[in-house]
Amino acid sequence: MQEKLQEIHECFMELGILLSGIDLEEDLNNKLMIDKIEFALKQTYKLYAEGLCEIEYVCEKCESNKNQLFKLLKMFKSCCEHKKIDPVSSVALVEFAYIIPQVLSELKSTYIQNLKVQR
C-alpha cells in the first residue's frame, strides 16, 4: 500500500502544482502546458478508475471525485480545441484543485491508521 500511496501522492502533487500555477487564458495557447495538464488529469483519472487504495471506506468518495474529474477532462479537451476557457471550465478546474489536498490528507491518515492496525 505504501507504493500505491506514493504513486497517488506524486500524481496529485503534480496536478496540484500544475493547476495552481497556470494562467488559463495564456497557457491554453501553450501546447506543452496543455499536454502536461491533460496527462496529469488522465493519470489522476486512471488512479481513480483503479481505486485509490485498498481500503474500502476511503473509496466511497472516489466515485464522486472520479465523475467530477471525468467531466473536467471533457471540458478541458473542449477548451483546448477552442483555445479558450469558459467560466464553467474555469470553476471546475478550481474546484478540483481544492479536492487534491483533502484527498491526500485522507489517504495519509488512512495509511497511518492501517499501519497501526497491522502492528
PDB file of N, CA and C in Angstrom:
ATOM      1  N   MET A   1       0.819  -1.195   0.000  1.00  0.00           N
ATOM      2  CA  MET A   1       0.000   0.000   0.000  1.00  0.00           C
ATOM      3  C   MET A   1       0.863   1.260   0.000  1.00  0.00           C
ATOM      4  N   GLN A   2       2.058   1.169   0.582  1.00  0.00           N
ATOM      5  CA  GLN A   2       2.936   2.335   0.630  1.00  0.00           C
ATOM      6  C   GLN A   2       3.310   2.794  -0.780  1.00  0.00           C
ATOM      7  N   GLU A   3       3.574   1.849  -1.675  1.00  0.00           N
ATOM      8  CA  GLU A   3       3.913   2.206  -3.058  1.00  0.00           C
ATOM      9  C   GLU A   3       2.734   2.892  -3.743  1.00  0.00           C
ATOM     10  N   LYS A   4       1.536   2.374  -3.525  1.00  0.00           N
ATOM     11  CA  LYS A   4       0.333   2.971  -4.118  1.00  0.00           C
ATOM     12  C   LYS A   4       0.134   4.386  -3.579  1.00  0.00           C
ATOM     13  N   LEU A   5       0.312   4.557  -2.270  1.00  0.00           N
ATOM     14  CA  LEU A   5       0.171   5.878  -1.668  1.00  0.00           C
ATOM     15  C   LEU A   5       1.187   6.852  -2.258  1.00  0.00           C
ATOM     16  N   GLN A   6       2.411   6.388  -2.459  1.00  0.00           N
ATOM     17  CA  GLN A   6       3.450   7.237  -3.045  1.00  0.00           C
ATOM     18  C   GLN A   6       3.080   7.642  -4.474  1.00  0.00           C
ATOM     19  N   GLU A   7       2.584   6.693  -5.256  1.00  0.00           N
ATOM     20  CA  GLU A   7       2.167   6.982  -6.630  1.00  0.00           C
ATOM     21  C   GLU A   7       1.037   8.015  -6.648  1.00  0.00           C
ATOM     22  N   ILE A   8       0.059   7.834  -5.772  1.00  0.00           N
ATOM     23  CA  ILE A   8      -1.064   8.767  -5.682  1.00  0.00           C
ATOM     24  C   ILE A   8      -0.569  10.142  -5.261  1.00  0.00           C
ATOM     25  N   HIS A   9       0.294  10.172  -4.256  1.00  0.00           N
ATOM     26  CA  HIS A   9       0.822  11.437  -3.754  1.00  0.00           C
ATOM     27  C   HIS A   9       1.544  12.196  -4.862  1.00  0.00           C
ATOM     28  N   GLU A  10       2.419  11.517  -5.591  1.00  0.00           N
ATOM     29  CA  GLU A  10       3.165  12.164  -6.671  1.00  0.00           C
ATOM     30  C   GLU A  10       2.231  12.691  -7.755  1.00  0.00           C
ATOM     31  N   CYS A  11       1.263  11.891  -8.131  1.00  0.00           N
ATOM     32  CA  CYS A  11       0.322  12.281  -9.184  1.00  0.00           C
ATOM     33  C   CYS A  11      -0.497  13.500  -8.761  1.00  0.00           C
ATOM     34  N   PHE A  12      -1.040  13.456  -7.549  1.00  0.00           N
ATOM     35  CA  PHE A  12      -1.865  14.558  -7.077  1.00  0.00           C
ATOM     36  C   PHE A  12      -1.045  15.819  -6.851  1.00  0.00           C
ATOM     37  N   MET A  13       0.187  15.671  -6.367  1.00  0.00           N
ATOM     38  CA  MET A  13       1.040  16.846  -6.166  1.00  0.00           C
ATOM     39  C   MET A  13       1.362  17.498  -7.505  1.00  0.00           C
ATOM     40  N   GLU A  14       1.693  16.704  -8.501  1.00  0.00           N
ATOM     41  CA  GLU A  14       1.983  17.247  -9.830  1.00  0.00           C
ATOM     42  C   GLU A  14       0.765  17.982 -10.383  1.00  0.00           C
ATOM     43  N   LEU A  15      -0.394  17.367 -10.257  1.00  0.00           N
ATOM     44  CA  LEU A  15      -1.613  18.001 -10.746  1.00  0.00           C
ATOM     45  C   LEU A  15      -1.903  19.284  -9.972  1.00  0.00           C
ATOM     46  N   GLY A  16      -1.737  19.245  -8.669  1.00  0.00           N
ATOM     47  CA  GLY A  16      -1.967  20.434  -7.844  1.00  0.00           C
ATOM     48  C   GLY A  16      -1.043  21.579  -8.213  1.00  0.00           C
ATOM     49  N   ILE A  17       0.223  21.268  -8.439  1.00  0.00           N
ATOM     50  CA  ILE A  17       1.193  22.292  -8.836  1.00  0.00           C
ATOM     51  C   ILE A  17       0.821  22.874 -10.193  1.00  0.00           C
ATOM     52  N   LEU A  18       0.481  22.010 -11.131  1.00  0.00           N
ATOM     53  CA  LEU A  18       0.089  22.490 -12.460  1.00  0.00           C
ATOM     54  C   LEU A  18      -1.145  23.389 -12.390  1.00  0.00           C
ATOM     55  N   LEU A  19      -2.164  22.943 -11.662  1.00  0.00           N
ATOM     56  CA  LEU A  19      -3.406  23.707 -11.605  1.00  0.00           C
ATOM     57  C   LEU A  19      -3.244  25.017 -10.849  1.00  0.00           C
ATOM     58  N   SER A  20      -2.382  25.035  -9.846  1.00  0.00           N
ATOM     59  CA  SER A  20      -2.223  26.267  -9.073  1.00  0.00           C
ATOM     60  C   SER A  20      -1.339  27.287  -9.776  1.00  0.00           C
ATOM     61  N   GLY A  21      -0.525  26.829 -10.739  1.00  0.00           N
ATOM     62  CA  GLY A  21       0.418  27.739 -11.365  1.00  0.00           C
ATOM     63  C   GLY A  21       0.084  28.170 -12.778  1.00  0.00           C
ATOM     64  N   ILE A  22      -1.097  27.809 -13.271  1.00  0.00           N
ATOM     65  CA  ILE A  22      -1.376  28.139 -14.671  1.00  0.00           C
ATOM     66  C   ILE A  22      -2.160  29.441 -14.800  1.00  0.00           C
ATOM     67  N   ASP A  23      -1.923  30.090 -15.898  1.00  0.00           N
ATOM     68  CA  ASP A  23      -2.733  31.227 -16.333  1.00  0.00           C
ATOM     69  C   ASP A  23      -3.610  30.646 -17.442  1.00  0.00           C
ATOM     70  N   LEU A  24      -4.863  30.402 -17.129  1.00  0.00           N
ATOM     71  CA  LEU A  24      -5.712  29.631 -18.036  1.00  0.00           C
ATOM     72  C   LEU A  24      -5.802  30.224 -19.435  1.00  0.00           C
ATOM     73  N   GLU A  25      -5.948  31.520 -19.538  1.00  0.00           N
ATOM     74  CA  GLU A  25      -6.072  32.124 -20.869  1.00  0.00           C
ATOM     75  C   GLU A  25      -4.765  32.024 -21.645  1.00  0.00           C
ATOM     76  N   GLU A  26      -3.653  32.305 -20.979  1.00  0.00           N
ATOM     77  CA  GLU A  26      -2.355  32.293 -21.661  1.00  0.00           C
ATOM     78  C   GLU A  26      -1.867  30.874 -21.936  1.00  0.00           C
ATOM     79  N   ASP A  27      -2.002  30.006 -20.959  1.00  0.00           N
ATOM     80  CA  ASP A  27      -1.441  28.660 -21.090  1.00  0.00           C
ATOM     81  C   ASP A  27      -2.223  27.761 -22.042  1.00  0.00           C
ATOM     82  N   LEU A  28      -3.455  28.109 -22.355  1.00  0.00           N
ATOM     83  CA  LEU A  28      -4.195  27.318 -23.339  1.00  0.00           C
ATOM     84  C   LEU A  28      -3.603  27.468 -24.734  1.00  0.00           C
ATOM     85  N   ASN A  29      -2.754  28.458 -24.928  1.00  0.00           N
ATOM     86  CA  ASN A  29      -2.048  28.629 -26.201  1.00  0.00           C
ATOM     87  C   ASN A  29      -0.685  27.949 -26.187  1.00  0.00           C
ATOM     88  N   ASN A  30      -0.316  27.369 -25.050  1.00  0.00           N
ATOM     89  CA  ASN A  30       0.976  26.713 -24.896  1.00  0.00           C
ATOM     90  C   ASN A  30       0.764  25.196 -24.990  1.00  0.00           C
ATOM     91  N   LYS A  31       1.107  24.617 -26.124  1.00  0.00           N
ATOM     92  CA  LYS A  31       0.871  23.187 -26.385  1.00  0.00           C
ATOM     93  C   LYS A  31       1.529  22.299 -25.329  1.00  0.00           C
ATOM     94  N   LEU A  32       2.743  22.649 -24.908  1.00  0.00           N
ATOM     95  CA  LEU A  32       3.444  21.847 -23.908  1.00  0.00           C
ATOM     96  C   LEU A  32       2.682  21.845 -22.581  1.00  0.00           C
ATOM     97  N   MET A  33       2.198  23.009 -22.174  1.00  0.00           N
ATOM     98  CA  MET A  33       1.459  23.100 -20.914  1.00  0.00           C
ATOM     99  C   MET A  33       0.142  22.334 -21.008  1.00  0.00           C
ATOM    100  N   ILE A  34      -0.538  22.468 -22.126  1.00  0.00           N
ATOM    101  CA  ILE A  34      -1.797  21.733 -22.327  1.00  0.00           C
ATOM    102  C   ILE A  34      -1.551  20.231 -22.222  1.00  0.00           C
ATOM    103  N   ASP A  35      -0.493  19.762 -22.864  1.00  0.00           N
ATOM    104  CA  ASP A  35      -0.167  18.334 -22.819  1.00  0.00           C
ATOM    105  C   ASP A  35       0.143  17.882 -21.396  1.00  0.00           C
ATOM    106  N   LYS A  36       0.869  18.704 -20.640  1.00  0.00           N
ATOM    107  CA  LYS A  36       1.203  18.361 -19.252  1.00  0.00           C
ATOM    108  C   LYS A  36      -0.053  18.257 -18.394  1.00  0.00           C
ATOM    109  N   ILE A  37      -0.920  19.244 -18.534  1.00  0.00           N
ATOM    110  CA  ILE A  37      -2.143  19.246 -17.728  1.00  0.00           C
ATOM    111  C   ILE A  37      -3.036  18.071 -18.103  1.00  0.00           C
ATOM    112  N   GLU A  38      -3.207  17.851 -19.395  1.00  0.00           N
ATOM    113  CA  GLU A  38      -4.056  16.742 -19.842  1.00  0.00           C
ATOM    114  C   GLU A  38      -3.488  15.399 -19.376  1.00  0.00           C
ATOM    115  N   PHE A  39      -2.170  15.228 -19.449  1.00  0.00           N
ATOM    116  CA  PHE A  39      -1.540  13.995 -18.995  1.00  0.00           C
ATOM    117  C   PHE A  39      -1.771  13.802 -17.494  1.00  0.00           C
ATOM    118  N   ALA A  40      -1.578  14.868 -16.714  1.00  0.00           N
ATOM    119  CA  ALA A  40      -1.770  14.774 -15.266  1.00  0.00           C
ATOM    120  C   ALA A  40      -3.224  14.458 -14.926  1.00  0.00           C
ATOM    121  N   LEU A  41      -4.165  15.070 -15.639  1.00  0.00           N
ATOM    122  CA  LEU A  41      -5.583  14.774 -15.408  1.00  0.00           C
ATOM    123  C   LEU A  41      -5.899  13.315 -15.743  1.00  0.00           C
ATOM    124  N   LYS A  42      -5.356  12.828 -16.848  1.00  0.00           N
ATOM    125  CA  LYS A  42      -5.600  11.435 -17.250  1.00  0.00           C
ATOM    126  C   LYS A  42      -4.971  10.456 -16.260  1.00  0.00           C
ATOM    127  N   GLN A  43      -3.759  10.763 -15.781  1.00  0.00           N
ATOM    128  CA  GLN A  43      -3.107   9.888 -14.802  1.00  0.00           C
ATOM    129  C   GLN A  43      -3.925   9.830 -13.516  1.00  0.00           C
ATOM    130  N   THR A  44      -4.432  10.980 -13.094  1.00  0.00           N
ATOM    131  CA  THR A  44      -5.246  11.027 -11.887  1.00  0.00           C
ATOM    132  C   THR A  44      -6.536  10.237 -12.087  1.00  0.00           C
ATOM    133  N   TYR A  45      -7.148  10.375 -13.255  1.00  0.00           N
ATOM    134  CA  TYR A  45      -8.371   9.618 -13.548  1.00  0.00           C
ATOM    135  C   TYR A  45      -8.082   8.116 -13.526  1.00  0.00           C
ATOM    136  N   LYS A  46      -6.943   7.733 -14.069  1.00  0.00           N
ATOM    137  CA  LYS A  46      -6.560   6.315 -14.078  1.00  0.00           C
ATOM    138  C   LYS A  46      -6.464   5.781 -12.650  1.00  0.00           C
ATOM    139  N   LEU A  47      -5.891   6.576 -11.743  1.00  0.00           N
ATOM    140  CA  LEU A  47      -5.799   6.155 -10.346  1.00  0.00           C
ATOM    141  C   LEU A  47      -7.193   5.980  -9.740  1.00  0.00           C
ATOM    142  N   TYR A  48      -8.094   6.896 -10.054  1.00  0.00           N
ATOM    143  CA  TYR A  48      -9.469   6.753  -9.565  1.00  0.00           C
ATOM    144  C   TYR A  48     -10.131   5.516 -10.152  1.00  0.00           C
ATOM    145  N   ALA A  49      -9.912   5.265 -11.427  1.00  0.00           N
ATOM    146  CA  ALA A  49     -10.525   4.106 -12.079  1.00  0.00           C
ATOM    147  C   ALA A  49     -10.029   2.802 -11.463  1.00  0.00           C
ATOM    148  N   GLU A  50      -8.761   2.781 -11.055  1.00  0.00           N
ATOM    149  CA  GLU A  50      -8.181   1.585 -10.428  1.00  0.00           C
ATOM    150  C   GLU A  50      -8.573   1.474  -8.963  1.00  0.00           C
ATOM    151  N   GLY A  51      -9.031   2.564  -8.371  1.00  0.00           N
ATOM    152  CA  GLY A  51      -9.286   2.619  -6.933  1.00  0.00           C
ATOM    153  C   GLY A  51      -8.067   3.218  -6.265  1.00  0.00           C
ATOM    154  N   LEU A  52      -8.257   4.278  -5.507  1.00  0.00           N
ATOM    155  CA  LEU A  52      -7.095   4.981  -4.954  1.00  0.00           C
ATOM    156  C   LEU A  52      -6.320   4.145  -3.949  1.00  0.00           C
ATOM    157  N   CYS A  53      -6.989   3.268  -3.281  1.00  0.00           N
ATOM    158  CA  CYS A  53      -6.287   2.429  -2.305  1.00  0.00           C
ATOM    159  C   CYS A  53      -7.104   1.167  -2.070  1.00  0.00           C
ATOM    160  N   GLU A  54      -6.563   0.313  -1.240  1.00  0.00           N
ATOM    161  CA  GLU A  54      -7.250  -0.948  -0.971  1.00  0.00           C
ATOM    162  C   GLU A  54      -8.231  -0.847   0.190  1.00  0.00           C
ATOM    163  N   ILE A  55      -8.338   0.309   0.814  1.00  0.00           N
ATOM    164  CA  ILE A  55      -9.183   0.446   1.994  1.00  0.00           C
ATOM    165  C   ILE A  55     -10.559   0.932   1.566  1.00  0.00           C
ATOM    166  N   GLU A  56     -11.570   0.136   1.783  1.00  0.00           N
ATOM    167  CA  GLU A  56     -12.895   0.355   1.206  1.00  0.00           C
ATOM    168  C   GLU A  56     -13.544   1.677   1.595  1.00  0.00           C
ATOM    169  N   TYR A  57     -13.479   2.052   2.880  1.00  0.00           N
ATOM    170  CA  TYR A  57     -14.263   3.214   3.288  1.00  0.00           C
ATOM    171  C   TYR A  57     -13.734   4.520   2.719  1.00  0.00           C
ATOM    172  N   VAL A  58     -12.482   4.575   2.314  1.00  0.00           N
ATOM    173  CA  VAL A  58     -11.980   5.771   1.642  1.00  0.00           C
ATOM    174  C   VAL A  58     -12.535   5.829   0.225  1.00  0.00           C
ATOM    175  N   CYS A  59     -12.658   4.680  -0.403  1.00  0.00           N
ATOM    176  CA  CYS A  59     -13.061   4.621  -1.804  1.00  0.00           C
ATOM    177  C   CYS A  59     -14.521   4.990  -2.035  1.00  0.00           C
ATOM    178  N   GLU A  60     -15.315   5.111  -0.970  1.00  0.00           N
ATOM    179  CA  GLU A  60     -16.693   5.563  -1.141  1.00  0.00           C
ATOM    180  C   GLU A  60     -16.735   6.953  -1.769  1.00  0.00           C
ATOM    181  N   LYS A  61     -15.735   7.779  -1.487  1.00  0.00           N
ATOM    182  CA  LYS A  61     -15.677   9.131  -2.035  1.00  0.00           C
ATOM    183  C   LYS A  61     -15.108   9.137  -3.450  1.00  0.00           C
ATOM    184  N   CYS A  62     -14.446   8.078  -3.826  1.00  0.00           N
ATOM    185  CA  CYS A  62     -13.754   8.039  -5.116  1.00  0.00           C
ATOM    186  C   CYS A  62     -14.694   8.223  -6.297  1.00  0.00           C
ATOM    187  N   GLU A  63     -15.855   7.606  -6.238  1.00  0.00           N
ATOM    188  CA  GLU A  63     -16.765   7.652  -7.389  1.00  0.00           C
ATOM    189  C   GLU A  63     -17.191   9.083  -7.705  1.00  0.00           C
ATOM    190  N   SER A  64     -17.498   9.841  -6.690  1.00  0.00           N
ATOM    191  CA  SER A  64     -17.888  11.239  -6.893  1.00  0.00           C
ATOM    192  C   SER A  64     -16.729  12.046  -7.481  1.00  0.00           C
ATOM    193  N   ASN A  65     -15.543  11.886  -6.916  1.00  0.00           N
ATOM    194  CA  ASN A  65     -14.372  12.601  -7.424  1.00  0.00           C
ATOM    195  C   ASN A  65     -14.024  12.148  -8.838  1.00  0.00           C
ATOM    196  N   LYS A  66     -14.175  10.847  -9.093  1.00  0.00           N
ATOM    197  CA  LYS A  66     -13.880  10.320 -10.429  1.00  0.00           C
ATOM    198  C   LYS A  66     -14.837  10.913 -11.456  1.00  0.00           C
ATOM    199  N   ASN A  67     -16.111  10.991 -11.113  1.00  0.00           N
ATOM    200  CA  ASN A  67     -17.093  11.586 -12.023  1.00  0.00           C
ATOM    201  C   ASN A  67     -16.794  13.059 -12.270  1.00  0.00           C
ATOM    202  N   GLN A  68     -16.416  13.765 -11.215  1.00  0.00           N
ATOM    203  CA  GLN A  68     -16.065  15.175 -11.359  1.00  0.00           C
ATOM    204  C   GLN A  68     -14.848  15.324 -12.272  1.00  0.00           C
ATOM    205  N   LEU A  69     -13.872  14.468 -12.101  1.00  0.00           N
ATOM    206  CA  LEU A  69     -12.667  14.518 -12.922  1.00  0.00           C
ATOM    207  C   LEU A  69     -12.974  14.166 -14.375  1.00  0.00           C
ATOM    208  N   PHE A  70     -13.861  13.194 -14.604  1.00  0.00           N
ATOM    209  CA  PHE A  70     -14.244  12.827 -15.969  1.00  0.00           C
ATOM    210  C   PHE A  70     -14.870  14.029 -16.688  1.00  0.00           C
ATOM    211  N   LYS A  71     -15.772  14.720 -16.002  1.00  0.00           N
ATOM    212  CA  LYS A  71     -16.390  15.915 -16.588  1.00  0.00           C
ATOM    213  C   LYS A  71     -15.336  16.985 -16.853  1.00  0.00           C
ATOM    214  N   LEU A  72     -14.402  17.127 -15.924  1.00  0.00           N
ATOM    215  CA  LEU A  72     -13.331  18.105 -16.084  1.00  0.00           C
ATOM    216  C   LEU A  72     -12.468  17.782 -17.298  1.00  0.00           C
ATOM    217  N   LEU A  73     -12.151  16.517 -17.493  1.00  0.00           N
ATOM    218  CA  LEU A  73     -11.365  16.110 -18.666  1.00  0.00           C
ATOM    219  C   LEU A  73     -12.085  16.458 -19.967  1.00  0.00           C
ATOM    220  N   LYS A  74     -13.382  16.197 -20.018  1.00  0.00           N
ATOM    221  CA  LYS A  74     -14.158  16.526 -21.220  1.00  0.00           C
ATOM    222  C   LYS A  74     -14.172  18.032 -21.465  1.00  0.00           C
ATOM    223  N   MET A  75     -14.378  18.814 -20.399  1.00  0.00           N
ATOM    224  CA  MET A  75     -14.392  20.268 -20.550  1.00  0.00           C
ATOM    225  C   MET A  75     -13.025  20.787 -20.976  1.00  0.00           C
ATOM    226  N   PHE A  76     -11.976  20.231 -20.375  1.00  0.00           N
ATOM    227  CA  PHE A  76     -10.622  20.682 -20.691  1.00  0.00           C
ATOM    228  C   PHE A  76     -10.294  20.396 -22.151  1.00  0.00           C
ATOM    229  N   LYS A  77     -10.695  19.233 -22.625  1.00  0.00           N
ATOM    230  CA  LYS A  77     -10.455  18.890 -24.028  1.00  0.00           C
ATOM    231  C   LYS A  77     -11.166  19.874 -24.954  1.00  0.00           C
ATOM    232  N   SER A  78     -12.394  20.212 -24.624  1.00  0.00           N
ATOM    233  CA  SER A  78     -13.152  21.182 -25.420  1.00  0.00           C
ATOM    234  C   SER A  78     -12.482  22.554 -25.394  1.00  0.00           C
ATOM    235  N   CYS A  79     -12.023  22.959 -24.225  1.00  0.00           N
ATOM    236  CA  CYS A  79     -11.334  24.253 -24.110  1.00  0.00           C
ATOM    237  C   CYS A  79     -10.065  24.269 -24.953  1.00  0.00           C
ATOM    238  N   CYS A  80      -9.346  23.167 -24.954  1.00  0.00           N
ATOM    239  CA  CYS A  80      -8.110  23.079 -25.739  1.00  0.00           C
ATOM    240  C   CYS A  80      -8.411  23.196 -27.229  1.00  0.00           C
ATOM    241  N   GLU A  81      -9.484  22.561 -27.663  1.00  0.00           N
ATOM    242  CA  GLU A  81      -9.865  22.621 -29.076  1.00  0.00           C
ATOM    243  C   GLU A  81     -10.242  24.040 -29.493  1.00  0.00           C
ATOM    244  N   HIS A  82     -10.879  24.773 -28.586  1.00  0.00           N
ATOM    245  CA  HIS A  82     -11.325  26.133 -28.899  1.00  0.00           C
ATOM    246  C   HIS A  82     -10.306  27.197 -28.499  1.00  0.00           C
ATOM    247  N   LYS A  83      -9.210  26.777 -27.848  1.00  0.00           N
ATOM    248  CA  LYS A  83      -8.139  27.678 -27.412  1.00  0.00           C
ATOM    249  C   LYS A  83      -8.634  28.787 -26.487  1.00  0.00           C
ATOM    250  N   LYS A  84      -9.689  28.501 -25.734  1.00  0.00           N
ATOM    251  CA  LYS A  84     -10.127  29.443 -24.715  1.00  0.00           C
ATOM    252  C   LYS A  84     -10.896  28.689 -23.639  1.00  0.00           C
ATOM    253  N   ILE A  85     -10.875  29.267 -22.451  1.00  0.00           N
ATOM    254  CA  ILE A  85     -11.542  28.618 -21.332  1.00  0.00           C
ATOM    255  C   ILE A  85     -12.855  29.332 -21.043  1.00  0.00           C
ATOM    256  N   ASP A  86     -13.888  28.551 -20.839  1.00  0.00           N
ATOM    257  CA  ASP A  86     -15.169  29.159 -20.495  1.00  0.00           C
ATOM    258  C   ASP A  86     -15.284  29.213 -18.970  1.00  0.00           C
ATOM    259  N   PRO A  87     -16.176  30.041 -18.449  1.00  0.00           N
ATOM    260  CA  PRO A  87     -16.298  30.190 -16.992  1.00  0.00           C
ATOM    261  C   PRO A  87     -16.605  28.882 -16.262  1.00  0.00           C
ATOM    262  N   VAL A  88     -17.414  28.019 -16.850  1.00  0.00           N
ATOM    263  CA  VAL A  88     -17.760  26.746 -16.205  1.00  0.00           C
ATOM    264  C   VAL A  88     -16.517  25.869 -16.044  1.00  0.00           C
ATOM    265  N   SER A  89     -15.691  25.807 -17.080  1.00  0.00           N
ATOM    266  CA  SER A  89     -14.469  25.001 -17.020  1.00  0.00           C
ATOM    267  C   SER A  89     -13.481  25.581 -16.026  1.00  0.00           C
ATOM    268  N   SER A  90     -13.398  26.882 -15.983  1.00  0.00           N
ATOM    269  CA  SER A  90     -12.506  27.546 -15.037  1.00  0.00           C
ATOM    270  C   SER A  90     -12.891  27.191 -13.604  1.00  0.00           C
ATOM    271  N   VAL A  91     -14.177  27.248 -13.306  1.00  0.00           N
ATOM    272  CA  VAL A  91     -14.670  26.891 -11.973  1.00  0.00           C
ATOM    273  C   VAL A  91     -14.403  25.412 -11.688  1.00  0.00           C
ATOM    274  N   ALA A  92     -14.604  24.550 -12.675  1.00  0.00           N
ATOM    275  CA  ALA A  92     -14.375  23.109 -12.493  1.00  0.00           C
ATOM    276  C   ALA A  92     -12.915  22.821 -12.158  1.00  0.00           C
ATOM    277  N   LEU A  93     -11.992  23.502 -12.832  1.00  0.00           N
ATOM    278  CA  LEU A  93     -10.568  23.320 -12.534  1.00  0.00           C
ATOM    279  C   LEU A  93     -10.254  23.748 -11.107  1.00  0.00           C
ATOM    280  N   VAL A  94     -10.773  24.891 -10.710  1.00  0.00           N
ATOM    281  CA  VAL A  94     -10.529  25.402  -9.358  1.00  0.00           C
ATOM    282  C   VAL A  94     -11.126  24.466  -8.315  1.00  0.00           C
ATOM    283  N   GLU A  95     -12.350  24.005  -8.551  1.00  0.00           N
ATOM    284  CA  GLU A  95     -12.997  23.097  -7.599  1.00  0.00           C
ATOM    285  C   GLU A  95     -12.214  21.798  -7.448  1.00  0.00           C
ATOM    286  N   PHE A  96     -11.716  21.262  -8.562  1.00  0.00           N
ATOM    287  CA  PHE A  96     -10.958  20.022  -8.442  1.00  0.00           C
ATOM    288  C   PHE A  96      -9.625  20.262  -7.743  1.00  0.00           C
ATOM    289  N   ALA A  97      -9.020  21.417  -7.973  1.00  0.00           N
ATOM    290  CA  ALA A  97      -7.758  21.738  -7.302  1.00  0.00           C
ATOM    291  C   ALA A  97      -7.941  21.748  -5.785  1.00  0.00           C
ATOM    292  N   TYR A  98      -9.115  22.167  -5.306  1.00  0.00           N
ATOM    293  CA  TYR A  98      -9.380  22.179  -3.868  1.00  0.00           C
ATOM    294  C   TYR A  98      -9.531  20.779  -3.287  1.00  0.00           C
ATOM    295  N   ILE A  99      -9.918  19.819  -4.093  1.00  0.00           N
ATOM    296  CA  ILE A  99     -10.088  18.445  -3.622  1.00  0.00           C
ATOM    297  C   ILE A  99      -8.738  17.790  -3.326  1.00  0.00           C
ATOM    298  N   ILE A 100      -7.718  18.167  -4.070  1.00  0.00           N
ATOM    299  CA  ILE A 100      -6.424  17.480  -4.012  1.00  0.00           C
ATOM    300  C   ILE A 100      -5.853  17.396  -2.597  1.00  0.00           C
ATOM    301  N   PRO A 101      -5.686  18.518  -1.862  1.00  0.00           N
ATOM    302  CA  PRO A 101      -5.120  18.392  -0.512  1.00  0.00           C
ATOM    303  C   PRO A 101      -5.982  17.549   0.417  1.00  0.00           C
ATOM    304  N   GLN A 102      -7.300  17.647   0.259  1.00  0.00           N
ATOM    305  CA  GLN A 102      -8.213  16.868   1.092  1.00  0.00           C
ATOM    306  C   GLN A 102      -8.021  15.372   0.858  1.00  0.00           C
ATOM    307  N   VAL A 103      -7.947  14.971  -0.398  1.00  0.00           N
ATOM    308  CA  VAL A 103      -7.766  13.553  -0.724  1.00  0.00           C
ATOM    309  C   VAL A 103      -6.431  13.057  -0.179  1.00  0.00           C
ATOM    310  N   LEU A 104      -5.372  13.834  -0.376  1.00  0.00           N
ATOM    311  CA  LEU A 104      -4.054  13.423   0.113  1.00  0.00           C
ATOM    312  C   LEU A 104      -4.044  13.290   1.629  1.00  0.00           C
ATOM    313  N   SER A 105      -4.679  14.215   2.311  1.00  0.00           N
ATOM    314  CA  SER A 105      -4.742  14.169   3.767  1.00  0.00           C
ATOM    315  C   SER A 105      -5.506  12.936   4.248  1.00  0.00           C
ATOM    316  N   GLU A 106      -6.639  12.652   3.616  1.00  0.00           N
ATOM    317  CA  GLU A 106      -7.432  11.476   3.993  1.00  0.00           C
ATOM    318  C   GLU A 106      -6.661  10.182   3.751  1.00  0.00           C
ATOM    319  N   LEU A 107      -5.972  10.106   2.617  1.00  0.00           N
ATOM    320  CA  LEU A 107      -5.211   8.895   2.319  1.00  0.00           C
ATOM    321  C   LEU A 107      -4.052   8.711   3.293  1.00  0.00           C
ATOM    322  N   LYS A 108      -3.397   9.809   3.644  1.00  0.00           N
ATOM    323  CA  LYS A 108      -2.290   9.729   4.602  1.00  0.00           C
ATOM    324  C   LYS A 108      -2.803   9.256   5.962  1.00  0.00           C
ATOM    325  N   SER A 109      -3.909   9.825   6.419  1.00  0.00           N
ATOM    326  CA  SER A 109      -4.493   9.411   7.700  1.00  0.00           C
ATOM    327  C   SER A 109      -4.888   7.940   7.676  1.00  0.00           C
ATOM    328  N   THR A 110      -5.503   7.530   6.593  1.00  0.00           N
ATOM    329  CA  THR A 110      -5.920   6.139   6.451  1.00  0.00           C
ATOM    330  C   THR A 110      -4.718   5.213   6.441  1.00  0.00           C
ATOM    331  N   TYR A 111      -3.675   5.613   5.737  1.00  0.00           N
ATOM    332  CA  TYR A 111      -2.463   4.802   5.676  1.00  0.00           C
ATOM    333  C   TYR A 111      -1.844   4.655   7.061  1.00  0.00           C
ATOM    334  N   ILE A 112      -1.787   5.741   7.815  1.00  0.00           N
ATOM    335  CA  ILE A 112      -1.222   5.694   9.170  1.00  0.00           C
ATOM    336  C   ILE A 112      -2.071   4.798  10.062  1.00  0.00           C
ATOM    337  N   GLN A 113      -3.399   4.912   9.959  1.00  0.00           N
ATOM    338  CA  GLN A 113      -4.283   4.039  10.734  1.00  0.00           C
ATOM    339  C   GLN A 113      -4.068   2.580  10.360  1.00  0.00           C
ATOM    340  N   ASN A 114      -3.889   2.320   9.088  1.00  0.00           N
ATOM    341  CA  ASN A 114      -3.666   0.963   8.607  1.00  0.00           C
ATOM    342  C   ASN A 114      -2.367   0.398   9.177  1.00  0.00           C
ATOM    343  N   LEU A 115      -1.334   1.225   9.250  1.00  0.00           N
ATOM    344  CA  LEU A 115      -0.066   0.777   9.831  1.00  0.00           C
ATOM    345  C   LEU A 115      -0.238   0.415  11.302  1.00  0.00           C
ATOM    346  N   LYS A 116      -1.009   1.217  12.030  1.00  0.00           N
ATOM    347  CA  LYS A 116      -1.244   0.955  13.453  1.00  0.00           C
ATOM    348  C   LYS A 116      -1.985  -0.362  13.648  1.00  0.00           C
ATOM    349  N   VAL A 117      -2.951  -0.642  12.785  1.00  0.00           N
ATOM    350  CA  VAL A 117      -3.734  -1.876  12.875  1.00  0.00           C
ATOM    351  C   VAL A 117      -2.852  -3.084  12.594  1.00  0.00           C
ATOM    352  N   GLN A 118      -1.919  -2.954  11.667  1.00  0.00           N
ATOM    353  CA  GLN A 118      -1.049  -4.068  11.294  1.00  0.00           C
ATOM    354  C   GLN A 118      -0.052  -4.416  12.390  1.00  0.00           C
ATOM    355  N   ARG A 119       0.243  -3.467  13.260  1.00  0.00           N
ATOM    356  CA  ARG A 119       1.213  -3.727  14.337  1.00  0.00           C
ATOM    357  C   ARG A 119       0.610  -4.537  15.373  1.00  0.00           C
TER     358      ARG A 119
END
